[in-house]
């Protein structure tokens, strides 16, 4: 019986860790997951980053080195998925939605996927 309990405790610990997968519980978890990562389009022509802009004093969406959207809103959908919405710097009515998925290490916008290089 002791072996059973020990096995159950070990299984529970591994389930909590998620086998190294990031679990979203707060907005800061989402930002910490994205911080320092660069996501590339399949043809490698577009680079997307989510990072802090000191000039805007806000986190922003950075496309090919230029911050294009800021004032991010983060909605957590599940422990592995979130949606980030940013306001456009050039178009007052423009918004960009990015879906984050830690299971695939990719983000998606308007049906186009950007993934971390493996």
C-alpha atoms as a PDB file:
ATOM      1  CA  UNK A   1       0.000   0.000   0.000  1.00  0.00           C
ATOM      2  CA  UNK A   2       2.916   2.347   0.718  1.00  0.00           C
ATOM      3  CA  UNK A   3       4.196   1.799  -2.795  1.00  0.00           C
ATOM      4  CA  UNK A   4       0.810   2.748  -4.175  1.00  0.00           C
ATOM      5  CA  UNK A   5       0.787   6.035  -2.240  1.00  0.00           C
ATOM      6  CA  UNK A   6       4.355   6.791  -3.258  1.00  0.00           C
ATOM      7  CA  UNK A   7       3.468   6.131  -6.886  1.00  0.00           C
ATOM      8  CA  UNK A   8       0.371   8.317  -6.581  1.00  0.00           C
ATOM      9  CA  UNK A   9       2.410  11.181  -5.106  1.00  0.00           C
ATOM     10  CA  UNK A  10       5.004  10.910  -7.894  1.00  0.00           C
ATOM     11  CA  UNK A  11       2.284  10.924 -10.551  1.00  0.00           C
ATOM     12  CA  UNK A  12       0.675  13.987  -8.969  1.00  0.00           C
ATOM     13  CA  UNK A  13       4.027  15.828  -8.938  1.00  0.00           C
ATOM     14  CA  UNK A  14       4.601  15.098 -12.629  1.00  0.00           C
ATOM     15  CA  UNK A  15       1.053  16.168 -13.473  1.00  0.00           C
ATOM     16  CA  UNK A  16       1.592  19.489 -11.690  1.00  0.00           C
ATOM     17  CA  UNK A  17       4.837  20.124 -13.527  1.00  0.00           C
ATOM     18  CA  UNK A  18       3.103  19.414 -16.839  1.00  0.00           C
ATOM     19  CA  UNK A  19       6.209  17.732 -18.207  1.00  0.00           C
ATOM     20  CA  UNK A  20       7.981  21.072 -18.636  1.00  0.00           C
ATOM     21  CA  UNK A  21       5.052  22.843 -20.243  1.00  0.00           C
ATOM     22  CA  UNK A  22       4.172  26.384 -19.204  1.00  0.00           C
ATOM     23  CA  UNK A  23       0.795  26.780 -17.543  1.00  0.00           C
ATOM     24  CA  UNK A  24      -0.980  30.125 -17.625  1.00  0.00           C
ATOM     25  CA  UNK A  25      -2.603  31.247 -14.399  1.00  0.00           C
ATOM     26  CA  UNK A  26      -2.048  35.008 -14.713  1.00  0.00           C
ATOM     27  CA  UNK A  27      -1.200  37.685 -17.278  1.00  0.00           C
ATOM     28  CA  UNK A  28       2.378  37.738 -16.004  1.00  0.00           C
ATOM     29  CA  UNK A  29       2.675  33.993 -16.764  1.00  0.00           C
ATOM     30  CA  UNK A  30       1.776  34.732 -20.395  1.00  0.00           C
ATOM     31  CA  UNK A  31       4.268  37.614 -20.626  1.00  0.00           C
ATOM     32  CA  UNK A  32       7.000  35.552 -18.937  1.00  0.00           C
ATOM     33  CA  UNK A  33       6.435  32.752 -21.450  1.00  0.00           C
ATOM     34  CA  UNK A  34       6.707  35.163 -24.404  1.00  0.00           C
ATOM     35  CA  UNK A  35       9.562  37.312 -23.066  1.00  0.00           C
ATOM     36  CA  UNK A  36      12.748  36.762 -25.055  1.00  0.00           C
ATOM     37  CA  UNK A  37      11.155  34.481 -27.654  1.00  0.00           C
ATOM     38  CA  UNK A  38      11.093  35.291 -31.349  1.00  0.00           C
ATOM     39  CA  UNK A  39       8.412  33.692 -33.500  1.00  0.00           C
ATOM     40  CA  UNK A  40       9.000  33.304 -37.254  1.00  0.00           C
ATOM     41  CA  UNK A  41       6.634  32.898 -40.190  1.00  0.00           C
ATOM     42  CA  UNK A  42       7.014  29.641 -42.105  1.00  0.00           C
ATOM     43  CA  UNK A  43       9.023  31.381 -44.832  1.00  0.00           C
ATOM     44  CA  UNK A  44      11.167  33.162 -42.181  1.00  0.00           C
ATOM     45  CA  UNK A  45      10.350  36.638 -43.587  1.00  0.00           C
ATOM     46  CA  UNK A  46       8.368  37.911 -40.591  1.00  0.00           C
ATOM     47  CA  UNK A  47       9.628  37.993 -36.992  1.00  0.00           C
ATOM     48  CA  UNK A  48       7.178  38.560 -34.138  1.00  0.00           C
ATOM     49  CA  UNK A  49       8.111  39.355 -30.546  1.00  0.00           C
ATOM     50  CA  UNK A  50       6.135  40.434 -27.525  1.00  0.00           C
ATOM     51  CA  UNK A  51       8.210  42.656 -25.290  1.00  0.00           C
ATOM     52  CA  UNK A  52       8.446  45.748 -23.155  1.00  0.00           C
ATOM     53  CA  UNK A  53       8.944  49.090 -24.906  1.00  0.00           C
ATOM     54  CA  UNK A  54      10.527  51.719 -22.681  1.00  0.00           C
ATOM     55  CA  UNK A  55       9.525  54.495 -25.086  1.00  0.00           C
ATOM     56  CA  UNK A  56       5.850  53.485 -24.816  1.00  0.00           C
ATOM     57  CA  UNK A  57       6.158  52.408 -21.171  1.00  0.00           C
ATOM     58  CA  UNK A  58       4.085  49.368 -22.098  1.00  0.00           C
ATOM     59  CA  UNK A  59       4.373  45.860 -23.486  1.00  0.00           C
ATOM     60  CA  UNK A  60       3.924  45.711 -27.231  1.00  0.00           C
ATOM     61  CA  UNK A  61       3.813  43.525 -30.318  1.00  0.00           C
ATOM     62  CA  UNK A  62       7.017  43.908 -32.309  1.00  0.00           C
ATOM     63  CA  UNK A  63       7.004  42.997 -36.016  1.00  0.00           C
ATOM     64  CA  UNK A  64      10.395  42.816 -37.748  1.00  0.00           C
ATOM     65  CA  UNK A  65      11.971  45.031 -35.084  1.00  0.00           C
ATOM     66  CA  UNK A  66       9.322  47.782 -34.955  1.00  0.00           C
ATOM     67  CA  UNK A  67       6.676  48.063 -32.256  1.00  0.00           C
ATOM     68  CA  UNK A  68       3.344  48.124 -34.089  1.00  0.00           C
ATOM     69  CA  UNK A  69       0.803  47.481 -31.337  1.00  0.00           C
ATOM     70  CA  UNK A  70       0.787  48.345 -27.634  1.00  0.00           C
ATOM     71  CA  UNK A  71      -1.463  48.490 -24.555  1.00  0.00           C
ATOM     72  CA  UNK A  72      -1.888  44.725 -24.576  1.00  0.00           C
ATOM     73  CA  UNK A  73      -4.925  42.990 -23.135  1.00  0.00           C
ATOM     74  CA  UNK A  74      -4.438  39.348 -22.191  1.00  0.00           C
ATOM     75  CA  UNK A  75      -7.221  36.780 -21.944  1.00  0.00           C
ATOM     76  CA  UNK A  76      -6.320  33.330 -20.625  1.00  0.00           C
ATOM     77  CA  UNK A  77      -8.364  30.607 -22.334  1.00  0.00           C
ATOM     78  CA  UNK A  78      -6.776  27.549 -20.715  1.00  0.00           C
ATOM     79  CA  UNK A  79      -3.541  26.606 -18.936  1.00  0.00           C
ATOM     80  CA  UNK A  80      -1.807  26.422 -22.343  1.00  0.00           C
ATOM     81  CA  UNK A  81      -3.679  28.994 -24.450  1.00  0.00           C
ATOM     82  CA  UNK A  82      -4.189  32.759 -24.316  1.00  0.00           C
ATOM     83  CA  UNK A  83      -5.263  35.617 -26.580  1.00  0.00           C
ATOM     84  CA  UNK A  84      -3.356  38.903 -26.666  1.00  0.00           C
ATOM     85  CA  UNK A  85      -5.013  41.980 -28.178  1.00  0.00           C
ATOM     86  CA  UNK A  86      -2.962  45.080 -28.946  1.00  0.00           C
ATOM     87  CA  UNK A  87      -3.933  48.557 -30.117  1.00  0.00           C
ATOM     88  CA  UNK A  88      -2.352  49.864 -33.319  1.00  0.00           C
ATOM     89  CA  UNK A  89       0.108  52.741 -33.130  1.00  0.00           C
ATOM     90  CA  UNK A  90      -0.835  54.000 -36.612  1.00  0.00           C
ATOM     91  CA  UNK A  91      -4.563  53.240 -36.883  1.00  0.00           C
ATOM     92  CA  UNK A  92      -6.798  54.320 -33.971  1.00  0.00           C
ATOM     93  CA  UNK A  93      -9.362  51.641 -34.854  1.00  0.00           C
ATOM     94  CA  UNK A  94      -6.808  48.924 -35.585  1.00  0.00           C
ATOM     95  CA  UNK A  95      -6.339  45.997 -33.233  1.00  0.00           C
ATOM     96  CA  UNK A  96      -4.271  42.859 -33.567  1.00  0.00           C
ATOM     97  CA  UNK A  97      -5.221  39.567 -31.926  1.00  0.00           C
ATOM     98  CA  UNK A  98      -2.583  36.942 -31.335  1.00  0.00           C
ATOM     99  CA  UNK A  99      -3.387  33.477 -30.045  1.00  0.00           C
ATOM    100  CA  UNK A 100      -0.664  31.886 -27.940  1.00  0.00           C
ATOM    101  CA  UNK A 101      -0.316  28.109 -27.625  1.00  0.00           C
ATOM    102  CA  UNK A 102       2.410  26.672 -25.401  1.00  0.00           C
ATOM    103  CA  UNK A 103       1.698  23.123 -26.634  1.00  0.00           C
ATOM    104  CA  UNK A 104       2.958  23.978 -30.122  1.00  0.00           C
ATOM    105  CA  UNK A 105       5.348  26.829 -29.168  1.00  0.00           C
ATOM    106  CA  UNK A 106       3.574  28.932 -31.813  1.00  0.00           C
ATOM    107  CA  UNK A 107       1.422  32.029 -32.013  1.00  0.00           C
ATOM    108  CA  UNK A 108      -1.311  32.675 -34.580  1.00  0.00           C
ATOM    109  CA  UNK A 109      -2.786  35.809 -36.119  1.00  0.00           C
ATOM    110  CA  UNK A 110      -5.513  35.755 -38.786  1.00  0.00           C
ATOM    111  CA  UNK A 111      -4.785  32.137 -39.694  1.00  0.00           C
ATOM    112  CA  UNK A 112      -1.023  32.636 -40.071  1.00  0.00           C
ATOM    113  CA  UNK A 113       1.260  30.761 -37.683  1.00  0.00           C
ATOM    114  CA  UNK A 114       4.561  32.007 -36.308  1.00  0.00           C
ATOM    115  CA  UNK A 115       6.711  29.507 -34.441  1.00  0.00           C
ATOM    116  CA  UNK A 116       9.905  29.457 -32.422  1.00  0.00           C
ATOM    117  CA  UNK A 117      12.849  27.997 -34.338  1.00  0.00           C
ATOM    118  CA  UNK A 118      13.713  24.556 -33.018  1.00  0.00           C
END
